[in-house]
């Protein structure tokens, strides 16, 4: 076997070619060079678990899930069917309210016929903007796996206004301005009576 003698030297032709290549290159700026690989810091010690004795009550840590968007977001995303300028004034609480009904303390069975009668009477009287006050609803205990809506009237009234005999009379339903009850009331903009 032949012994290696060390690195091979470049011939004059190879050295000239190498110098030509080196002359055409420019050094890479330091800002373009990627930083060296860094290791992640060591994880901190986990927080100690709270002390639990037999007989203690466990805290309910289940999150409250509601898969349906809130009624305020549903109403805000509904298309504007009325004049945009009037709609903006209504949302700011600047349009005069011509009638109002307060549903506080009523059950669904009591409120539904009253809302229908009120909206129909307001439409027949030629009123354009009425206020339906539902209240925000009380939060009760939530024991089940199925989410329960709080403020049942708050969620049912917009559906009543968009369906049945009221649908042809109602042009726009919107959450009221803070001065008229905020999320506990609705502006109902009625179509013109014929």
N, C-alpha and C. Protein backbone atom coordinates (compact mmCIF):
# COMPACT_ATOMS: atom_id res chain seq x y z
N UNK A 1 0.82 -1.16 0.00
CA UNK A 1 0.00 0.00 0.00
C UNK A 1 0.87 1.23 0.00
N UNK A 2 0.45 2.17 -0.78
CA UNK A 2 1.22 3.41 -0.87
C UNK A 2 0.83 4.33 0.27
N UNK A 3 1.82 5.02 0.75
CA UNK A 3 1.57 5.97 1.83
C UNK A 3 1.15 7.30 1.25
N UNK A 4 0.29 7.98 1.91
CA UNK A 4 -0.11 9.31 1.49
C UNK A 4 0.97 10.28 1.89
N UNK A 5 1.18 11.26 1.09
CA UNK A 5 2.25 12.20 1.35
C UNK A 5 1.74 13.53 1.89
N UNK A 6 0.53 13.75 2.16
CA UNK A 6 0.01 15.04 2.61
C UNK A 6 -0.92 15.62 1.57
N UNK A 7 -1.33 16.83 1.76
CA UNK A 7 -2.28 17.43 0.83
C UNK A 7 -1.63 17.70 -0.52
N UNK A 8 -2.40 17.53 -1.54
CA UNK A 8 -1.93 17.78 -2.90
C UNK A 8 -1.88 19.27 -3.14
N UNK A 9 -0.90 19.71 -3.81
CA UNK A 9 -0.74 21.12 -4.14
C UNK A 9 -1.49 21.41 -5.44
N UNK A 10 -1.99 22.67 -5.55
CA UNK A 10 -2.70 23.08 -6.76
C UNK A 10 -1.70 23.37 -7.86
N UNK A 11 -2.09 23.04 -9.05
CA UNK A 11 -1.25 23.39 -10.20
C UNK A 11 -1.40 24.90 -10.46
N UNK A 12 -0.58 25.45 -11.28
CA UNK A 12 -0.62 26.89 -11.58
C UNK A 12 -1.94 27.26 -12.24
N UNK A 13 -2.46 26.40 -13.12
CA UNK A 13 -3.73 26.64 -13.79
C UNK A 13 -4.89 26.62 -12.79
N UNK A 14 -4.90 25.64 -11.86
CA UNK A 14 -5.95 25.55 -10.84
C UNK A 14 -5.89 26.74 -9.90
N UNK A 15 -4.67 27.16 -9.53
CA UNK A 15 -4.52 28.28 -8.62
C UNK A 15 -5.02 29.57 -9.27
N UNK A 16 -4.79 29.76 -10.56
CA UNK A 16 -5.28 30.94 -11.27
C UNK A 16 -6.80 30.95 -11.32
N UNK A 17 -7.40 29.79 -11.58
CA UNK A 17 -8.87 29.68 -11.59
C UNK A 17 -9.44 29.98 -10.22
N UNK A 18 -8.82 29.45 -9.17
CA UNK A 18 -9.28 29.69 -7.80
C UNK A 18 -9.22 31.18 -7.46
N UNK A 19 -8.14 31.84 -7.78
CA UNK A 19 -8.00 33.27 -7.49
C UNK A 19 -9.04 34.09 -8.26
N UNK A 20 -9.40 33.65 -9.46
CA UNK A 20 -10.41 34.34 -10.26
C UNK A 20 -11.78 34.23 -9.58
N UNK A 21 -12.13 33.05 -9.07
CA UNK A 21 -13.41 32.83 -8.37
C UNK A 21 -13.44 33.64 -7.08
N UNK A 22 -12.35 33.63 -6.32
CA UNK A 22 -12.29 34.37 -5.05
C UNK A 22 -12.41 35.87 -5.30
N UNK A 23 -11.88 36.37 -6.39
CA UNK A 23 -11.95 37.79 -6.72
C UNK A 23 -13.35 38.27 -7.04
N UNK A 24 -14.21 37.40 -7.51
CA UNK A 24 -15.59 37.77 -7.86
C UNK A 24 -16.56 37.67 -6.69
N UNK A 25 -16.20 37.11 -5.60
CA UNK A 25 -17.12 36.92 -4.47
C UNK A 25 -17.01 38.07 -3.49
N UNK A 26 -18.09 38.27 -2.75
CA UNK A 26 -18.12 39.30 -1.69
C UNK A 26 -18.48 38.60 -0.39
N UNK A 27 -17.97 39.08 0.73
CA UNK A 27 -18.32 38.45 2.00
C UNK A 27 -19.79 38.68 2.36
N UNK A 28 -20.38 37.76 3.06
CA UNK A 28 -21.77 37.86 3.50
C UNK A 28 -21.82 38.81 4.70
N UNK A 29 -22.77 39.80 4.67
CA UNK A 29 -22.88 40.70 5.83
C UNK A 29 -23.30 39.91 7.07
N UNK A 30 -22.90 40.36 8.23
CA UNK A 30 -23.18 39.63 9.48
C UNK A 30 -24.67 39.61 9.81
N UNK A 31 -25.44 40.61 9.36
CA UNK A 31 -26.87 40.62 9.69
C UNK A 31 -27.63 39.53 8.94
N UNK A 32 -27.10 39.07 7.80
CA UNK A 32 -27.77 38.02 7.03
C UNK A 32 -27.45 36.62 7.55
N UNK A 33 -26.46 36.52 8.40
CA UNK A 33 -26.06 35.21 8.90
C UNK A 33 -27.04 34.77 9.97
N UNK A 34 -27.52 33.57 9.88
CA UNK A 34 -28.46 33.06 10.87
C UNK A 34 -27.77 32.93 12.21
N UNK A 35 -28.48 33.24 13.31
CA UNK A 35 -27.86 33.09 14.62
C UNK A 35 -27.59 31.62 14.91
N UNK A 36 -26.60 31.36 15.72
CA UNK A 36 -26.32 29.95 16.03
C UNK A 36 -27.50 29.32 16.76
N UNK A 37 -27.62 28.04 16.63
CA UNK A 37 -28.71 27.30 17.26
C UNK A 37 -28.65 27.48 18.78
N UNK A 38 -29.80 27.84 19.36
CA UNK A 38 -29.86 28.02 20.80
C UNK A 38 -30.80 26.98 21.38
N UNK A 39 -30.44 26.46 22.48
CA UNK A 39 -31.30 25.48 23.13
C UNK A 39 -32.35 26.21 23.95
N UNK A 40 -33.50 25.59 24.09
CA UNK A 40 -34.59 26.18 24.88
C UNK A 40 -34.21 26.17 26.35
N UNK A 41 -34.69 27.18 27.09
CA UNK A 41 -34.38 27.18 28.52
C UNK A 41 -35.04 25.98 29.20
N UNK A 42 -34.45 25.58 30.26
CA UNK A 42 -34.98 24.44 31.01
C UNK A 42 -36.35 24.80 31.56
N UNK A 43 -37.32 23.86 31.52
CA UNK A 43 -38.65 24.18 32.04
C UNK A 43 -38.61 24.42 33.54
N UNK A 44 -39.51 25.34 33.96
CA UNK A 44 -39.60 25.65 35.39
C UNK A 44 -40.28 24.49 36.11
N UNK A 45 -40.07 24.44 37.39
CA UNK A 45 -40.74 23.42 38.18
C UNK A 45 -42.24 23.66 38.11
N UNK A 46 -43.04 22.61 37.95
CA UNK A 46 -44.49 22.82 37.89
C UNK A 46 -45.01 23.35 39.22
N UNK A 47 -46.11 24.10 39.13
CA UNK A 47 -46.71 24.65 40.35
C UNK A 47 -47.23 23.50 41.20
N UNK A 48 -47.09 23.60 42.49
CA UNK A 48 -47.59 22.52 43.34
C UNK A 48 -49.11 22.44 43.28
N UNK A 49 -49.62 21.23 43.36
CA UNK A 49 -51.06 21.02 43.35
C UNK A 49 -51.65 21.48 44.67
N UNK A 50 -52.88 22.04 44.62
CA UNK A 50 -53.49 22.45 45.90
C UNK A 50 -53.77 21.22 46.77
N UNK A 51 -53.68 21.43 48.04
CA UNK A 51 -53.91 20.33 48.99
C UNK A 51 -55.38 19.95 48.96
N UNK A 52 -55.64 18.64 48.95
CA UNK A 52 -57.02 18.14 48.89
C UNK A 52 -57.18 17.06 49.96
N UNK A 53 -58.16 17.25 50.77
CA UNK A 53 -58.47 16.28 51.82
C UNK A 53 -59.77 15.56 51.45
N UNK A 54 -59.91 14.33 51.85
CA UNK A 54 -61.14 13.60 51.61
C UNK A 54 -62.27 14.33 52.32
N UNK A 55 -63.35 14.58 51.59
CA UNK A 55 -64.48 15.31 52.14
C UNK A 55 -64.53 16.75 51.66
N UNK A 56 -63.40 17.26 51.12
CA UNK A 56 -63.41 18.61 50.57
C UNK A 56 -64.21 18.62 49.27
N UNK A 57 -64.75 19.79 48.95
CA UNK A 57 -65.50 19.93 47.70
C UNK A 57 -64.54 20.27 46.57
N UNK A 58 -64.70 19.60 45.48
CA UNK A 58 -63.87 19.90 44.30
C UNK A 58 -64.44 21.14 43.62
N UNK A 59 -63.54 21.99 43.12
CA UNK A 59 -63.98 23.18 42.40
C UNK A 59 -64.40 22.79 40.99
N UNK A 60 -65.47 23.41 40.52
CA UNK A 60 -65.94 23.14 39.16
C UNK A 60 -65.09 23.96 38.20
N UNK A 61 -64.24 23.28 37.45
CA UNK A 61 -63.33 23.97 36.54
C UNK A 61 -63.72 23.77 35.08
N UNK A 62 -64.93 23.30 34.85
CA UNK A 62 -65.36 23.10 33.47
C UNK A 62 -65.63 24.45 32.81
N UNK A 63 -65.16 24.64 31.59
CA UNK A 63 -65.45 25.90 30.90
C UNK A 63 -66.90 25.95 30.45
N UNK A 64 -67.45 27.14 30.40
CA UNK A 64 -68.82 27.32 29.93
C UNK A 64 -68.77 27.50 28.41
N UNK A 65 -69.20 26.48 27.67
CA UNK A 65 -69.17 26.54 26.22
C UNK A 65 -70.52 26.99 25.69
N UNK A 66 -70.49 27.84 24.70
CA UNK A 66 -71.70 28.25 24.01
C UNK A 66 -71.34 28.28 22.53
N UNK A 67 -71.82 27.31 21.79
CA UNK A 67 -71.43 27.14 20.41
C UNK A 67 -72.15 28.10 19.47
N UNK A 68 -73.28 28.66 19.90
CA UNK A 68 -74.02 29.60 19.08
C UNK A 68 -73.51 31.01 19.40
N UNK A 69 -73.24 31.83 18.39
CA UNK A 69 -72.76 33.18 18.69
C UNK A 69 -73.80 33.97 19.49
N UNK A 70 -73.36 34.91 20.30
CA UNK A 70 -74.31 35.70 21.10
C UNK A 70 -75.30 36.43 20.20
N UNK A 71 -76.47 36.72 20.76
CA UNK A 71 -77.53 37.35 19.99
C UNK A 71 -77.10 38.73 19.50
N UNK A 72 -76.28 39.43 20.27
CA UNK A 72 -75.82 40.76 19.84
C UNK A 72 -74.96 40.65 18.58
N UNK A 73 -74.12 39.60 18.49
CA UNK A 73 -73.30 39.40 17.29
C UNK A 73 -74.16 38.97 16.10
N UNK A 74 -75.19 38.17 16.35
CA UNK A 74 -76.09 37.75 15.27
C UNK A 74 -76.82 38.95 14.69
N UNK A 75 -77.31 39.84 15.56
CA UNK A 75 -78.03 41.01 15.09
C UNK A 75 -77.10 41.99 14.38
N UNK A 76 -75.88 42.14 14.89
CA UNK A 76 -74.92 43.06 14.28
C UNK A 76 -74.49 42.57 12.90
N UNK A 77 -74.46 41.26 12.69
CA UNK A 77 -74.03 40.73 11.39
C UNK A 77 -75.17 40.64 10.38
N UNK A 78 -76.41 40.91 10.83
CA UNK A 78 -77.55 40.87 9.91
C UNK A 78 -77.45 42.03 8.93
N UNK A 79 -77.87 41.83 7.67
CA UNK A 79 -77.79 42.93 6.70
C UNK A 79 -78.73 44.07 7.08
N UNK A 80 -78.33 45.27 6.75
CA UNK A 80 -79.14 46.45 7.04
C UNK A 80 -80.19 46.58 5.94
N UNK A 81 -81.47 46.52 6.33
CA UNK A 81 -82.56 46.58 5.36
C UNK A 81 -83.16 47.97 5.26
N UNK A 82 -82.78 48.86 6.16
CA UNK A 82 -83.32 50.21 6.17
C UNK A 82 -82.28 51.20 5.67
N UNK A 83 -82.63 52.46 5.61
CA UNK A 83 -81.72 53.51 5.19
C UNK A 83 -80.50 53.54 6.12
N UNK A 84 -79.29 53.56 5.55
CA UNK A 84 -78.07 53.49 6.36
C UNK A 84 -77.93 54.69 7.29
N UNK A 85 -78.32 55.86 6.81
CA UNK A 85 -78.21 57.06 7.65
C UNK A 85 -79.16 56.96 8.85
N UNK A 86 -80.39 56.51 8.60
CA UNK A 86 -81.35 56.33 9.69
C UNK A 86 -80.89 55.21 10.62
N UNK A 87 -80.30 54.17 10.06
CA UNK A 87 -79.81 53.06 10.88
C UNK A 87 -78.70 53.54 11.82
N UNK A 88 -77.78 54.36 11.30
CA UNK A 88 -76.70 54.88 12.13
C UNK A 88 -77.25 55.75 13.24
N UNK A 89 -78.23 56.61 12.91
CA UNK A 89 -78.84 57.46 13.94
C UNK A 89 -79.57 56.60 14.98
N UNK A 90 -80.24 55.54 14.52
CA UNK A 90 -80.95 54.66 15.45
C UNK A 90 -79.97 53.98 16.40
N UNK A 91 -78.86 53.45 15.86
CA UNK A 91 -77.88 52.75 16.70
C UNK A 91 -77.25 53.68 17.74
N UNK A 92 -77.17 54.98 17.42
CA UNK A 92 -76.61 55.95 18.36
C UNK A 92 -77.65 56.48 19.34
N UNK A 93 -78.90 56.02 19.21
CA UNK A 93 -79.95 56.47 20.12
C UNK A 93 -80.50 57.84 19.77
N UNK A 94 -80.33 58.28 18.52
CA UNK A 94 -80.73 59.63 18.10
C UNK A 94 -82.12 59.67 17.46
N UNK A 95 -82.67 58.55 17.02
CA UNK A 95 -84.02 58.54 16.46
C UNK A 95 -85.03 58.48 17.60
N UNK A 96 -86.12 59.23 17.49
CA UNK A 96 -87.11 59.20 18.58
C UNK A 96 -87.87 57.87 18.61
N UNK A 97 -87.99 57.33 19.80
CA UNK A 97 -88.74 56.09 20.01
C UNK A 97 -90.20 56.46 20.17
N UNK A 98 -91.07 55.86 19.35
CA UNK A 98 -92.49 56.23 19.34
C UNK A 98 -93.36 55.33 20.22
N UNK A 99 -92.82 54.24 20.70
CA UNK A 99 -93.58 53.36 21.58
C UNK A 99 -92.64 52.38 22.25
N UNK A 100 -93.07 51.87 23.40
CA UNK A 100 -92.23 50.91 24.10
C UNK A 100 -93.09 49.92 24.86
N UNK A 101 -92.55 48.72 25.04
CA UNK A 101 -93.18 47.69 25.85
C UNK A 101 -92.10 47.07 26.72
N UNK A 102 -92.45 46.85 27.98
CA UNK A 102 -91.50 46.27 28.94
C UNK A 102 -91.95 44.86 29.28
N UNK A 103 -91.09 43.88 29.04
CA UNK A 103 -91.43 42.48 29.25
C UNK A 103 -90.82 41.91 30.53
N UNK A 104 -90.25 42.76 31.38
CA UNK A 104 -89.62 42.28 32.62
C UNK A 104 -90.61 41.45 33.44
N UNK A 105 -90.15 40.32 33.91
CA UNK A 105 -90.94 39.47 34.80
C UNK A 105 -91.96 38.60 34.10
N UNK A 106 -92.05 38.67 32.79
CA UNK A 106 -93.04 37.85 32.07
C UNK A 106 -92.43 36.52 31.66
N UNK A 107 -93.29 35.53 31.54
CA UNK A 107 -92.86 34.24 31.00
C UNK A 107 -92.99 34.30 29.48
N UNK A 108 -92.51 33.27 28.81
CA UNK A 108 -92.63 33.21 27.36
C UNK A 108 -94.09 33.22 26.93
N UNK A 109 -94.93 32.49 27.66
CA UNK A 109 -96.35 32.40 27.31
C UNK A 109 -97.06 33.74 27.48
N UNK A 110 -96.62 34.54 28.43
CA UNK A 110 -97.24 35.85 28.63
C UNK A 110 -96.69 36.88 27.63
N UNK A 111 -95.39 36.81 27.35
CA UNK A 111 -94.73 37.83 26.54
C UNK A 111 -95.05 37.71 25.05
N UNK A 112 -95.15 36.48 24.55
CA UNK A 112 -95.32 36.30 23.10
C UNK A 112 -96.57 36.99 22.56
N UNK A 113 -97.77 36.76 23.12
CA UNK A 113 -98.94 37.46 22.57
C UNK A 113 -98.88 38.97 22.77
N UNK A 114 -98.25 39.42 23.84
CA UNK A 114 -98.15 40.88 24.07
C UNK A 114 -97.24 41.54 23.04
N UNK A 115 -96.14 40.86 22.68
CA UNK A 115 -95.24 41.41 21.67
C UNK A 115 -95.96 41.48 20.33
N UNK A 116 -96.68 40.43 19.97
CA UNK A 116 -97.40 40.42 18.70
C UNK A 116 -98.43 41.55 18.67
N UNK A 117 -99.22 41.68 19.73
CA UNK A 117 -100.25 42.72 19.78
C UNK A 117 -99.63 44.12 19.75
N UNK A 118 -98.55 44.30 20.48
CA UNK A 118 -97.89 45.62 20.53
C UNK A 118 -97.33 46.02 19.16
N UNK A 119 -96.63 45.12 18.49
CA UNK A 119 -96.03 45.44 17.20
C UNK A 119 -97.13 45.69 16.16
N UNK A 120 -98.17 44.88 16.17
CA UNK A 120 -99.26 45.06 15.20
C UNK A 120 -99.98 46.39 15.44
N UNK A 121 -100.25 46.73 16.68
CA UNK A 121 -100.91 48.00 17.00
C UNK A 121 -100.02 49.18 16.63
N UNK A 122 -98.71 49.07 16.89
CA UNK A 122 -97.78 50.14 16.54
C UNK A 122 -97.73 50.33 15.02
N UNK A 123 -97.71 49.25 14.28
CA UNK A 123 -97.67 49.32 12.82
C UNK A 123 -98.95 49.96 12.30
N UNK A 124 -100.11 49.56 12.83
CA UNK A 124 -101.39 50.11 12.39
C UNK A 124 -101.50 51.59 12.73
N UNK A 125 -100.84 52.03 13.81
CA UNK A 125 -100.87 53.44 14.21
C UNK A 125 -99.88 54.27 13.39
N UNK A 126 -99.09 53.65 12.54
CA UNK A 126 -98.14 54.37 11.70
C UNK A 126 -96.81 54.67 12.37
N UNK A 127 -96.53 54.02 13.49
CA UNK A 127 -95.26 54.23 14.18
C UNK A 127 -94.15 53.54 13.41
N UNK A 128 -92.94 54.11 13.46
CA UNK A 128 -91.81 53.52 12.74
C UNK A 128 -90.81 52.85 13.67
N UNK A 129 -90.49 53.47 14.82
CA UNK A 129 -89.47 52.92 15.72
C UNK A 129 -90.08 52.67 17.09
N UNK A 130 -90.06 51.42 17.51
CA UNK A 130 -90.55 51.06 18.84
C UNK A 130 -89.44 50.33 19.59
N UNK A 131 -89.55 50.31 20.90
CA UNK A 131 -88.55 49.70 21.77
C UNK A 131 -89.19 48.54 22.51
N UNK A 132 -88.57 47.37 22.42
CA UNK A 132 -89.02 46.19 23.16
C UNK A 132 -87.97 45.91 24.22
N UNK A 133 -88.35 46.07 25.49
CA UNK A 133 -87.43 45.88 26.61
C UNK A 133 -87.61 44.46 27.14
N UNK A 134 -86.56 43.68 27.06
CA UNK A 134 -86.62 42.28 27.51
C UNK A 134 -85.89 42.08 28.83
N UNK A 135 -84.92 42.91 29.13
CA UNK A 135 -84.04 42.67 30.28
C UNK A 135 -82.89 41.77 29.83
N UNK A 136 -81.86 41.75 30.64
CA UNK A 136 -80.66 40.98 30.26
C UNK A 136 -80.72 39.54 30.74
N UNK A 137 -81.60 39.23 31.66
CA UNK A 137 -81.72 37.87 32.17
C UNK A 137 -80.82 37.63 33.36
N UNK A 138 -81.28 36.77 34.23
CA UNK A 138 -80.48 36.43 35.42
C UNK A 138 -79.67 35.19 35.16
N UNK A 139 -78.49 35.17 35.72
CA UNK A 139 -77.65 33.97 35.62
C UNK A 139 -78.03 33.03 36.74
N UNK A 140 -78.40 31.83 36.37
CA UNK A 140 -78.72 30.82 37.36
C UNK A 140 -77.62 29.78 37.42
N UNK A 141 -77.79 28.78 38.25
CA UNK A 141 -76.76 27.73 38.31
C UNK A 141 -76.75 26.91 37.03
N UNK A 142 -75.57 26.50 36.62
CA UNK A 142 -75.40 25.71 35.41
C UNK A 142 -74.84 24.35 35.81
N UNK A 143 -75.73 23.37 35.91
CA UNK A 143 -75.32 22.06 36.39
C UNK A 143 -75.15 21.04 35.28
N UNK A 144 -75.68 21.31 34.12
CA UNK A 144 -75.68 20.29 33.08
C UNK A 144 -74.55 20.44 32.08
N UNK A 145 -74.41 19.40 31.26
CA UNK A 145 -73.40 19.43 30.20
C UNK A 145 -73.88 20.23 29.00
N UNK A 146 -75.21 20.37 28.87
CA UNK A 146 -75.77 21.14 27.78
C UNK A 146 -75.89 22.59 28.22
N UNK A 147 -75.34 23.53 27.44
CA UNK A 147 -75.41 24.93 27.85
C UNK A 147 -76.84 25.44 27.88
N UNK A 148 -77.13 26.27 28.87
CA UNK A 148 -78.45 26.87 29.03
C UNK A 148 -78.31 28.36 28.79
N UNK A 149 -79.18 28.89 27.95
CA UNK A 149 -79.14 30.33 27.68
C UNK A 149 -79.74 31.09 28.85
N UNK A 150 -79.09 32.20 29.19
CA UNK A 150 -79.60 33.07 30.24
C UNK A 150 -80.31 34.22 29.55
N UNK A 151 -81.45 34.62 30.09
CA UNK A 151 -82.24 35.67 29.46
C UNK A 151 -83.02 35.10 28.29
N UNK A 152 -83.98 34.24 28.60
CA UNK A 152 -84.70 33.54 27.54
C UNK A 152 -85.48 34.51 26.66
N UNK A 153 -86.07 35.56 27.25
CA UNK A 153 -86.80 36.54 26.44
C UNK A 153 -85.85 37.30 25.52
N UNK A 154 -84.66 37.57 26.01
CA UNK A 154 -83.67 38.29 25.22
C UNK A 154 -83.35 37.51 23.94
N UNK A 155 -83.37 36.20 24.00
CA UNK A 155 -83.04 35.37 22.83
C UNK A 155 -84.26 35.04 21.98
N UNK A 156 -85.45 35.03 22.57
CA UNK A 156 -86.64 34.64 21.82
C UNK A 156 -87.26 35.80 21.06
N UNK A 157 -87.25 37.01 21.63
CA UNK A 157 -87.93 38.15 21.00
C UNK A 157 -87.43 38.41 19.58
N UNK A 158 -86.11 38.45 19.30
CA UNK A 158 -85.70 38.67 17.91
C UNK A 158 -86.22 37.60 16.95
N UNK A 159 -86.33 36.37 17.41
CA UNK A 159 -86.87 35.31 16.55
C UNK A 159 -88.36 35.54 16.29
N UNK A 160 -89.10 35.97 17.31
CA UNK A 160 -90.52 36.25 17.12
C UNK A 160 -90.71 37.38 16.12
N UNK A 161 -89.84 38.39 16.20
CA UNK A 161 -89.98 39.56 15.33
C UNK A 161 -89.66 39.25 13.87
N UNK A 162 -88.87 38.20 13.62
CA UNK A 162 -88.48 37.85 12.25
C UNK A 162 -89.31 36.72 11.66
N UNK A 163 -90.31 36.25 12.38
CA UNK A 163 -91.08 35.12 11.87
C UNK A 163 -92.57 35.35 12.10
N UNK A 164 -93.37 34.49 11.50
CA UNK A 164 -94.82 34.53 11.69
C UNK A 164 -95.46 35.79 11.15
N UNK A 165 -96.46 36.28 11.86
CA UNK A 165 -97.22 37.44 11.39
C UNK A 165 -96.43 38.73 11.49
N UNK A 166 -95.34 38.75 12.29
CA UNK A 166 -94.58 39.99 12.46
C UNK A 166 -93.53 40.20 11.38
N UNK A 167 -93.11 39.16 10.69
CA UNK A 167 -92.05 39.26 9.69
C UNK A 167 -92.36 40.29 8.60
N UNK A 168 -93.57 40.35 8.06
CA UNK A 168 -93.82 41.36 7.02
C UNK A 168 -93.91 42.80 7.55
N UNK A 169 -94.08 42.96 8.85
CA UNK A 169 -94.23 44.30 9.43
C UNK A 169 -92.89 44.89 9.87
N UNK A 170 -91.90 44.03 10.20
CA UNK A 170 -90.63 44.47 10.77
C UNK A 170 -89.59 44.61 9.68
N UNK A 171 -88.95 45.78 9.63
CA UNK A 171 -87.91 46.02 8.64
C UNK A 171 -86.53 45.71 9.22
N UNK A 172 -86.28 46.10 10.47
CA UNK A 172 -84.96 45.92 11.09
C UNK A 172 -85.11 45.71 12.59
N UNK A 173 -84.32 44.80 13.13
CA UNK A 173 -84.21 44.58 14.58
C UNK A 173 -82.76 44.81 14.95
N UNK A 174 -82.55 45.62 15.99
CA UNK A 174 -81.19 45.94 16.40
C UNK A 174 -81.15 46.10 17.91
N UNK A 175 -79.99 45.80 18.48
CA UNK A 175 -79.80 46.00 19.91
C UNK A 175 -79.86 47.49 20.21
N UNK A 176 -80.50 47.86 21.31
CA UNK A 176 -80.71 49.27 21.64
C UNK A 176 -79.43 49.94 22.10
N UNK A 177 -79.42 51.28 21.99
CA UNK A 177 -78.32 52.08 22.51
C UNK A 177 -78.35 52.02 24.03
N UNK A 178 -77.22 52.30 24.64
CA UNK A 178 -77.10 52.22 26.11
C UNK A 178 -78.14 53.11 26.80
N UNK A 179 -78.46 54.24 26.21
CA UNK A 179 -79.43 55.16 26.82
C UNK A 179 -80.85 54.59 26.81
N UNK A 180 -81.10 53.59 25.98
CA UNK A 180 -82.42 52.96 25.91
C UNK A 180 -82.44 51.53 26.46
N UNK A 181 -81.40 51.13 27.15
CA UNK A 181 -81.39 49.81 27.76
C UNK A 181 -80.28 48.90 27.29
N UNK A 182 -79.52 49.28 26.28
CA UNK A 182 -78.38 48.50 25.83
C UNK A 182 -78.77 47.11 25.38
N UNK A 183 -78.05 46.13 25.87
CA UNK A 183 -78.28 44.75 25.43
C UNK A 183 -79.54 44.14 26.04
N UNK A 184 -80.24 44.88 26.89
CA UNK A 184 -81.49 44.39 27.47
C UNK A 184 -82.72 44.90 26.75
N UNK A 185 -82.54 45.53 25.58
CA UNK A 185 -83.69 46.05 24.82
C UNK A 185 -83.36 46.01 23.33
N UNK A 186 -84.41 46.06 22.52
CA UNK A 186 -84.24 46.01 21.07
C UNK A 186 -85.02 47.14 20.41
N UNK A 187 -84.36 47.77 19.43
CA UNK A 187 -85.06 48.68 18.54
C UNK A 187 -85.74 47.83 17.48
N UNK A 188 -87.00 48.13 17.22
CA UNK A 188 -87.74 47.46 16.15
C UNK A 188 -88.19 48.54 15.20
N UNK A 189 -87.60 48.56 14.01
CA UNK A 189 -87.95 49.54 13.00
C UNK A 189 -88.98 48.92 12.08
N UNK A 190 -90.16 49.52 12.04
CA UNK A 190 -91.30 48.95 11.31
C UNK A 190 -91.40 49.50 9.90
N UNK A 191 -91.98 48.70 9.01
CA UNK A 191 -92.24 49.16 7.64
C UNK A 191 -93.37 50.19 7.68
N UNK A 192 -93.46 50.98 6.64
CA UNK A 192 -94.54 51.96 6.55
C UNK A 192 -95.87 51.22 6.39
N UNK A 193 -96.90 51.74 7.09
CA UNK A 193 -98.24 51.16 6.96
C UNK A 193 -98.81 51.54 5.60
N UNK A 194 -99.52 50.65 4.97
CA UNK A 194 -100.05 50.91 3.63
C UNK A 194 -101.37 51.59 3.68
